[in-house]
Amino acid sequence: MSETKPVVFVVDDDLSVLKSLRRLLTVYGFRVETFSSAREFLGNYQGNVPGCLVLDIRLPQLDGLELQRILAERGAVLPIIFITGHGDIPMSVQAMKAGAVDFLPKPFNDQSLIEAIEFALDKSRSDNLEKLELADISKKLATLTPRESEVLKYVVSGKLNKEIAADLGIAEKTVKVHRGRVMQKMRARSVADLVLMAEKARIISI
């Protein structure tokens, strides 16, 4: 995924806007895909493609805010830049609260759009790396036995082996064995490394 060139998706029902944005973004070296409706975009979007979405907030049938909600429900890692008309500020605020990275009132200048897209693409790369890392941690967690999962939670909470043994009603040397297997299966180099993975997997609060 990291080797795939990110895509700038543009959704606007004004075909002249789509054409001009495609031309502009292509000149700047971006890979661009354009759609004239939210439904057309949803029918073509592959959820594992890194990139960002330049989205008109007012669209027929399915508007920008509804599309934003649907993508969030699907767990899509796709930063959104809304382009809005003059009367859309309240909607824009709502969009930002829901996670949009920026909104640009029409007419906007080219440089503002390019800067917003570059920021969004940086966020997309970071979010996708985080998603891959979390998937790897989850895969490792799935290899633990129920007892090893229990020991993991005690270890990352700062409990000593003898305290874990007392709480679980098992021998301290048994705790050491489970702890060693947890470290091995999780490929943790240290307890601090294990704690960081547990935080990312939301096993403990950050």
C-alpha atoms as a PDB file:
ATOM      1  CA  MET A   1       0.000   0.000   0.000  1.00  0.00           C
ATOM      2  CA  SER A   2       2.790   2.442   0.861  1.00  0.00           C
ATOM      3  CA  GLU A   3       4.241   2.054  -2.649  1.00  0.00           C
ATOM      4  CA  THR A   4       0.961   2.980  -4.366  1.00  0.00           C
ATOM      5  CA  LYS A   5       0.801   6.585  -5.551  1.00  0.00           C
ATOM      6  CA  PRO A   6      -2.019   8.263  -3.623  1.00  0.00           C
ATOM      7  CA  VAL A   7      -5.128   9.424  -5.444  1.00  0.00           C
ATOM      8  CA  VAL A   8      -6.851  12.784  -5.171  1.00  0.00           C
ATOM      9  CA  PHE A   9     -10.541  11.979  -5.574  1.00  0.00           C
ATOM     10  CA  VAL A  10     -12.722  14.914  -6.618  1.00  0.00           C
ATOM     11  CA  VAL A  11     -16.514  14.822  -6.299  1.00  0.00           C
ATOM     12  CA  ASP A  12     -18.558  17.739  -7.681  1.00  0.00           C
ATOM     13  CA  ASP A  13     -21.765  17.835  -9.705  1.00  0.00           C
ATOM     14  CA  ASP A  14     -20.481  20.784 -11.755  1.00  0.00           C
ATOM     15  CA  LEU A  15     -18.722  19.177 -14.728  1.00  0.00           C
ATOM     16  CA  SER A  16     -16.795  22.375 -15.526  1.00  0.00           C
ATOM     17  CA  VAL A  17     -15.365  22.346 -11.988  1.00  0.00           C
ATOM     18  CA  LEU A  18     -14.387  18.693 -12.355  1.00  0.00           C
ATOM     19  CA  LYS A  19     -12.654  19.402 -15.646  1.00  0.00           C
ATOM     20  CA  SER A  20     -10.716  22.401 -14.360  1.00  0.00           C
ATOM     21  CA  LEU A  21      -9.677  20.656 -11.135  1.00  0.00           C
ATOM     22  CA  ARG A  22      -8.510  17.580 -13.028  1.00  0.00           C
ATOM     23  CA  ARG A  23      -6.401  19.780 -15.313  1.00  0.00           C
ATOM     24  CA  LEU A  24      -4.946  21.771 -12.406  1.00  0.00           C
ATOM     25  CA  LEU A  25      -4.095  18.782 -10.217  1.00  0.00           C
ATOM     26  CA  THR A  26      -2.616  16.824 -13.111  1.00  0.00           C
ATOM     27  CA  VAL A  27      -0.291  19.755 -13.851  1.00  0.00           C
ATOM     28  CA  TYR A  28       0.884  19.570 -10.228  1.00  0.00           C
ATOM     29  CA  GLY A  29       1.656  15.882 -10.660  1.00  0.00           C
ATOM     30  CA  PHE A  30      -1.214  14.414  -8.674  1.00  0.00           C
ATOM     31  CA  ARG A  31      -3.008  11.229  -9.656  1.00  0.00           C
ATOM     32  CA  VAL A  32      -6.641  12.331 -10.041  1.00  0.00           C
ATOM     33  CA  GLU A  33     -10.014  10.602 -10.289  1.00  0.00           C
ATOM     34  CA  THR A  34     -13.198  12.639 -10.700  1.00  0.00           C
ATOM     35  CA  PHE A  35     -16.862  11.837 -10.020  1.00  0.00           C
ATOM     36  CA  SER A  36     -20.024  13.843 -10.606  1.00  0.00           C
ATOM     37  CA  SER A  37     -21.965  12.382  -7.661  1.00  0.00           C
ATOM     38  CA  ALA A  38     -21.393  10.832  -4.254  1.00  0.00           C
ATOM     39  CA  ARG A  39     -23.076   7.611  -5.357  1.00  0.00           C
ATOM     40  CA  GLU A  40     -20.784   7.322  -8.375  1.00  0.00           C
ATOM     41  CA  PHE A  41     -17.792   7.757  -6.075  1.00  0.00           C
ATOM     42  CA  LEU A  42     -19.047   5.129  -3.592  1.00  0.00           C
ATOM     43  CA  GLY A  43     -19.585   2.703  -6.446  1.00  0.00           C
ATOM     44  CA  ASN A  44     -15.956   3.018  -7.543  1.00  0.00           C
ATOM     45  CA  TYR A  45     -13.939   3.714  -4.395  1.00  0.00           C
ATOM     46  CA  GLN A  46     -11.615   0.941  -3.223  1.00  0.00           C
ATOM     47  CA  GLY A  47     -11.250   1.332   0.537  1.00  0.00           C
ATOM     48  CA  ASN A  48      -7.576   0.346   0.583  1.00  0.00           C
ATOM     49  CA  VAL A  49      -6.428   3.106  -1.786  1.00  0.00           C
ATOM     50  CA  PRO A  50      -4.451   5.881  -0.045  1.00  0.00           C
ATOM     51  CA  GLY A  51      -5.314   9.445  -0.942  1.00  0.00           C
ATOM     52  CA  CYS A  52      -7.702  12.258  -0.101  1.00  0.00           C
ATOM     53  CA  LEU A  53     -11.125  13.462  -1.158  1.00  0.00           C
ATOM     54  CA  VAL A  54     -11.946  16.934  -2.474  1.00  0.00           C
ATOM     55  CA  LEU A  55     -15.689  17.039  -1.941  1.00  0.00           C
ATOM     56  CA  ASP A  56     -18.410  19.543  -2.777  1.00  0.00           C
ATOM     57  CA  ILE A  57     -20.569  19.861   0.323  1.00  0.00           C
ATOM     58  CA  ARG A  58     -23.789  20.348  -1.678  1.00  0.00           C
ATOM     59  CA  LEU A  59     -24.584  17.472  -4.011  1.00  0.00           C
ATOM     60  CA  PRO A  60     -27.895  16.099  -5.331  1.00  0.00           C
ATOM     61  CA  GLN A  61     -29.389  12.943  -3.763  1.00  0.00           C
ATOM     62  CA  LEU A  62     -26.457  12.222  -1.427  1.00  0.00           C
ATOM     63  CA  ASP A  63     -24.690  15.349  -0.133  1.00  0.00           C
ATOM     64  CA  GLY A  64     -21.127  15.759   1.095  1.00  0.00           C
ATOM     65  CA  LEU A  65     -21.943  15.406   4.798  1.00  0.00           C
ATOM     66  CA  GLU A  66     -23.839  12.179   4.165  1.00  0.00           C
ATOM     67  CA  LEU A  67     -20.939  10.804   2.140  1.00  0.00           C
ATOM     68  CA  GLN A  68     -18.552  11.761   4.958  1.00  0.00           C
ATOM     69  CA  ARG A  69     -20.752   9.856   7.440  1.00  0.00           C
ATOM     70  CA  ILE A  70     -20.933   6.754   5.216  1.00  0.00           C
ATOM     71  CA  LEU A  71     -17.154   6.682   4.757  1.00  0.00           C
ATOM     72  CA  ALA A  72     -16.645   7.027   8.521  1.00  0.00           C
ATOM     73  CA  GLU A  73     -19.046   4.134   9.147  1.00  0.00           C
ATOM     74  CA  ARG A  74     -17.062   2.008   6.702  1.00  0.00           C
ATOM     75  CA  GLY A  75     -13.802   2.844   8.464  1.00  0.00           C
ATOM     76  CA  ALA A  76     -12.346   4.518   5.385  1.00  0.00           C
ATOM     77  CA  VAL A  77      -8.999   6.238   5.998  1.00  0.00           C
ATOM     78  CA  LEU A  78      -9.581   9.107   3.586  1.00  0.00           C
ATOM     79  CA  PRO A  79      -9.018  12.722   4.667  1.00  0.00           C
ATOM     80  CA  ILE A  80     -11.671  15.054   3.270  1.00  0.00           C
ATOM     81  CA  ILE A  81     -11.331  18.636   1.997  1.00  0.00           C
ATOM     82  CA  PHE A  82     -14.741  20.239   1.514  1.00  0.00           C
ATOM     83  CA  ILE A  83     -15.330  22.913  -1.109  1.00  0.00           C
ATOM     84  CA  THR A  84     -18.277  25.091  -0.182  1.00  0.00           C
ATOM     85  CA  GLY A  85     -20.482  27.929  -1.293  1.00  0.00           C
ATOM     86  CA  HIS A  86     -20.840  31.168   0.664  1.00  0.00           C
ATOM     87  CA  GLY A  87     -23.917  30.001   2.577  1.00  0.00           C
ATOM     88  CA  ASP A  88     -22.406  26.720   3.729  1.00  0.00           C
ATOM     89  CA  ILE A  89     -20.325  27.844   6.730  1.00  0.00           C
ATOM     90  CA  PRO A  90     -22.537  26.092   9.360  1.00  0.00           C
ATOM     91  CA  MET A  91     -22.347  22.887   7.305  1.00  0.00           C
ATOM     92  CA  SER A  92     -18.593  23.333   6.997  1.00  0.00           C
ATOM     93  CA  VAL A  93     -18.212  23.640  10.769  1.00  0.00           C
ATOM     94  CA  GLN A  94     -20.231  20.447  11.147  1.00  0.00           C
ATOM     95  CA  ALA A  95     -17.954  18.746   8.600  1.00  0.00           C
ATOM     96  CA  MET A  96     -14.804  19.822  10.466  1.00  0.00           C
ATOM     97  CA  LYS A  97     -16.213  18.517  13.744  1.00  0.00           C
ATOM     98  CA  ALA A  98     -16.819  15.202  11.977  1.00  0.00           C
ATOM     99  CA  GLY A  99     -13.153  14.993  10.969  1.00  0.00           C
ATOM    100  CA  ALA A 100     -12.697  16.924   7.721  1.00  0.00           C
ATOM    101  CA  VAL A 101      -9.166  18.323   7.377  1.00  0.00           C
ATOM    102  CA  ASP A 102     -10.165  21.594   5.702  1.00  0.00           C
ATOM    103  CA  PHE A 103     -12.903  23.484   3.893  1.00  0.00           C
ATOM    104  CA  LEU A 104     -12.385  25.983   1.118  1.00  0.00           C
ATOM    105  CA  PRO A 105     -15.072  28.578   0.323  1.00  0.00           C
ATOM    106  CA  LYS A 106     -15.669  29.130  -3.388  1.00  0.00           C
ATOM    107  CA  PRO A 107     -14.005  30.729  -5.200  1.00  0.00           C
ATOM    108  CA  PHE A 108     -10.697  29.524  -3.777  1.00  0.00           C
ATOM    109  CA  ASN A 109      -7.239  30.084  -5.197  1.00  0.00           C
ATOM    110  CA  ASP A 110      -5.151  27.265  -6.598  1.00  0.00           C
ATOM    111  CA  GLN A 111      -2.417  27.515  -3.974  1.00  0.00           C
ATOM    112  CA  SER A 112      -4.887  27.109  -1.080  1.00  0.00           C
ATOM    113  CA  LEU A 113      -6.209  23.920  -2.671  1.00  0.00           C
ATOM    114  CA  ILE A 114      -2.731  22.497  -3.367  1.00  0.00           C
ATOM    115  CA  GLU A 115      -1.593  23.169   0.196  1.00  0.00           C
ATOM    116  CA  ALA A 116      -4.753  21.555   1.607  1.00  0.00           C
ATOM    117  CA  ILE A 117      -4.264  18.497  -0.607  1.00  0.00           C
ATOM    118  CA  GLU A 118      -0.600  18.110   0.362  1.00  0.00           C
ATOM    119  CA  PHE A 119      -1.562  18.272   4.041  1.00  0.00           C
ATOM    120  CA  ALA A 120      -4.367  15.735   3.508  1.00  0.00           C
ATOM    121  CA  LEU A 121      -2.087  13.330   1.648  1.00  0.00           C
ATOM    122  CA  ASP A 122       0.495  13.505   4.454  1.00  0.00           C
ATOM    123  CA  LYS A 123      -2.295  12.668   6.895  1.00  0.00           C
ATOM    124  CA  SER A 124      -3.445   9.809   4.662  1.00  0.00           C
ATOM    125  CA  ARG A 125       0.053   8.277   4.638  1.00  0.00           C
ATOM    126  CA  SER A 126       0.286   8.561   8.425  1.00  0.00           C
ATOM    127  CA  ASP A 127      -3.221   7.158   8.980  1.00  0.00           C
ATOM    128  CA  ASN A 128      -2.602   4.230   6.644  1.00  0.00           C
ATOM    129  CA  LEU A 129       0.676   3.339   8.363  1.00  0.00           C
ATOM    130  CA  GLU A 130      -1.135   3.466  11.709  1.00  0.00           C
ATOM    131  CA  LYS A 131      -3.895   1.244  10.347  1.00  0.00           C
ATOM    132  CA  LEU A 132      -1.367  -1.310   9.079  1.00  0.00           C
ATOM    133  CA  GLU A 133       0.472  -1.238  12.407  1.00  0.00           C
ATOM    134  CA  LEU A 134      -2.757  -1.799  14.337  1.00  0.00           C
ATOM    135  CA  ALA A 135      -3.673  -4.721  12.073  1.00  0.00           C
ATOM    136  CA  ASP A 136      -0.253  -6.269  12.768  1.00  0.00           C
ATOM    137  CA  ILE A 137      -0.680  -5.839  16.534  1.00  0.00           C
ATOM    138  CA  SER A 138      -4.180  -7.361  16.376  1.00  0.00           C
ATOM    139  CA  LYS A 139      -2.811 -10.336  14.458  1.00  0.00           C
ATOM    140  CA  LYS A 140      -0.187 -10.916  17.155  1.00  0.00           C
ATOM    141  CA  LEU A 141      -2.765 -10.559  19.945  1.00  0.00           C
ATOM    142  CA  ALA A 142      -4.873 -13.246  18.277  1.00  0.00           C
ATOM    143  CA  THR A 143      -2.018 -15.756  18.771  1.00  0.00           C
ATOM    144  CA  LEU A 144      -2.121 -15.417  22.570  1.00  0.00           C
ATOM    145  CA  THR A 145      -3.904 -17.982  24.724  1.00  0.00           C
ATOM    146  CA  PRO A 146      -6.576 -16.683  27.150  1.00  0.00           C
ATOM    147  CA  ARG A 147      -4.094 -16.974  30.049  1.00  0.00           C
ATOM    148  CA  GLU A 148      -1.365 -15.172  28.096  1.00  0.00           C
ATOM    149  CA  SER A 149      -3.840 -12.378  27.321  1.00  0.00           C
ATOM    150  CA  GLU A 150      -4.548 -12.064  31.047  1.00  0.00           C
ATOM    151  CA  VAL A 151      -0.838 -11.915  31.867  1.00  0.00           C
ATOM    152  CA  LEU A 152      -0.322  -9.293  29.129  1.00  0.00           C
ATOM    153  CA  LYS A 153      -2.887  -6.993  30.733  1.00  0.00           C
ATOM    154  CA  TYR A 154      -1.236  -7.358  34.139  1.00  0.00           C
ATOM    155  CA  VAL A 155       2.255  -6.768  32.733  1.00  0.00           C
ATOM    156  CA  VAL A 156       1.333  -3.576  30.861  1.00  0.00           C
ATOM    157  CA  SER A 157      -0.471  -2.259  33.951  1.00  0.00           C
ATOM    158  CA  GLY A 158       2.856  -2.436  35.816  1.00  0.00           C
ATOM    159  CA  LYS A 159       2.227  -5.485  38.009  1.00  0.00           C
ATOM    160  CA  LEU A 160       5.193  -7.508  39.248  1.00  0.00           C
ATOM    161  CA  ASN A 161       5.381 -11.276  38.606  1.00  0.00           C
ATOM    162  CA  LYS A 162       4.623 -12.099  42.243  1.00  0.00           C
ATOM    163  CA  GLU A 163       1.588  -9.779  42.194  1.00  0.00           C
ATOM    164  CA  ILE A 164       0.297 -11.367  38.992  1.00  0.00           C
ATOM    165  CA  ALA A 165       0.812 -14.831  40.489  1.00  0.00           C
ATOM    166  CA  ALA A 166      -1.170 -13.866  43.609  1.00  0.00           C
ATOM    167  CA  ASP A 167      -4.017 -12.333  41.591  1.00  0.00           C
ATOM    168  CA  LEU A 168      -4.287 -15.321  39.222  1.00  0.00           C
ATOM    169  CA  GLY A 169      -3.638 -17.970  41.866  1.00  0.00           C
ATOM    170  CA  ILE A 170      -0.710 -19.531  39.987  1.00  0.00           C
ATOM    171  CA  ALA A 171       2.993 -20.002  40.679  1.00  0.00           C
ATOM    172  CA  GLU A 172       5.365 -17.103  40.037  1.00  0.00           C
ATOM    173  CA  LYS A 173       7.521 -19.293  37.780  1.00  0.00           C
ATOM    174  CA  THR A 174       4.388 -20.030  35.695  1.00  0.00           C
ATOM    175  CA  VAL A 175       3.833 -16.312  35.326  1.00  0.00           C
ATOM    176  CA  LYS A 176       7.426 -15.956  34.095  1.00  0.00           C
ATOM    177  CA  VAL A 177       6.795 -18.631  31.444  1.00  0.00           C
ATOM    178  CA  HIS A 178       3.589 -16.939  30.257  1.00  0.00           C
ATOM    179  CA  ARG A 179       5.290 -13.552  30.290  1.00  0.00           C
ATOM    180  CA  GLY A 180       8.152 -14.868  28.168  1.00  0.00           C
ATOM    181  CA  ARG A 181       5.710 -16.328  25.638  1.00  0.00           C
ATOM    182  CA  VAL A 182       3.800 -13.048  25.483  1.00  0.00           C
ATOM    183  CA  MET A 183       6.981 -11.118  24.765  1.00  0.00           C
ATOM    184  CA  GLN A 184       7.963 -13.642  22.090  1.00  0.00           C
ATOM    185  CA  LYS A 185       4.583 -13.795  20.352  1.00  0.00           C
ATOM    186  CA  MET A 186       4.169 -10.010  20.430  1.00  0.00           C
ATOM    187  CA  ARG A 187       7.801  -9.590  19.276  1.00  0.00           C
ATOM    188  CA  ALA A 188       8.269  -7.024  22.016  1.00  0.00           C
ATOM    189  CA  ARG A 189      11.863  -6.023  22.749  1.00  0.00           C
ATOM    190  CA  SER A 190      10.954  -4.610  26.162  1.00  0.00           C
ATOM    191  CA  VAL A 191       8.026  -4.030  28.497  1.00  0.00           C
ATOM    192  CA  ALA A 192       7.898  -0.428  27.231  1.00  0.00           C
ATOM    193  CA  ASP A 193       7.502  -1.797  23.692  1.00  0.00           C
ATOM    194  CA  LEU A 194       4.680  -4.048  24.912  1.00  0.00           C
ATOM    195  CA  VAL A 195       2.983  -1.118  26.661  1.00  0.00           C
ATOM    196  CA  LEU A 196       3.113   0.947  23.451  1.00  0.00           C
ATOM    197  CA  MET A 197       1.432  -1.876  21.496  1.00  0.00           C
ATOM    198  CA  ALA A 198      -1.205  -2.246  24.211  1.00  0.00           C
ATOM    199  CA  GLU A 199      -1.936   1.480  24.044  1.00  0.00           C
ATOM    200  CA  LYS A 200      -2.321   1.381  20.270  1.00  0.00           C
ATOM    201  CA  ALA A 201      -4.650  -1.620  20.539  1.00  0.00           C
ATOM    202  CA  ARG A 202      -6.584   0.228  23.276  1.00  0.00           C
ATOM    203  CA  ILE A 203      -5.948  -2.534  25.812  1.00  0.00           C
ATOM    204  CA  ILE A 204      -4.917   0.220  28.193  1.00  0.00           C
ATOM    205  CA  SER A 205      -5.587   3.956  28.137  1.00  0.00           C
ATOM    206  CA  ILE A 206      -2.919   6.232  26.735  1.00  0.00           C
END
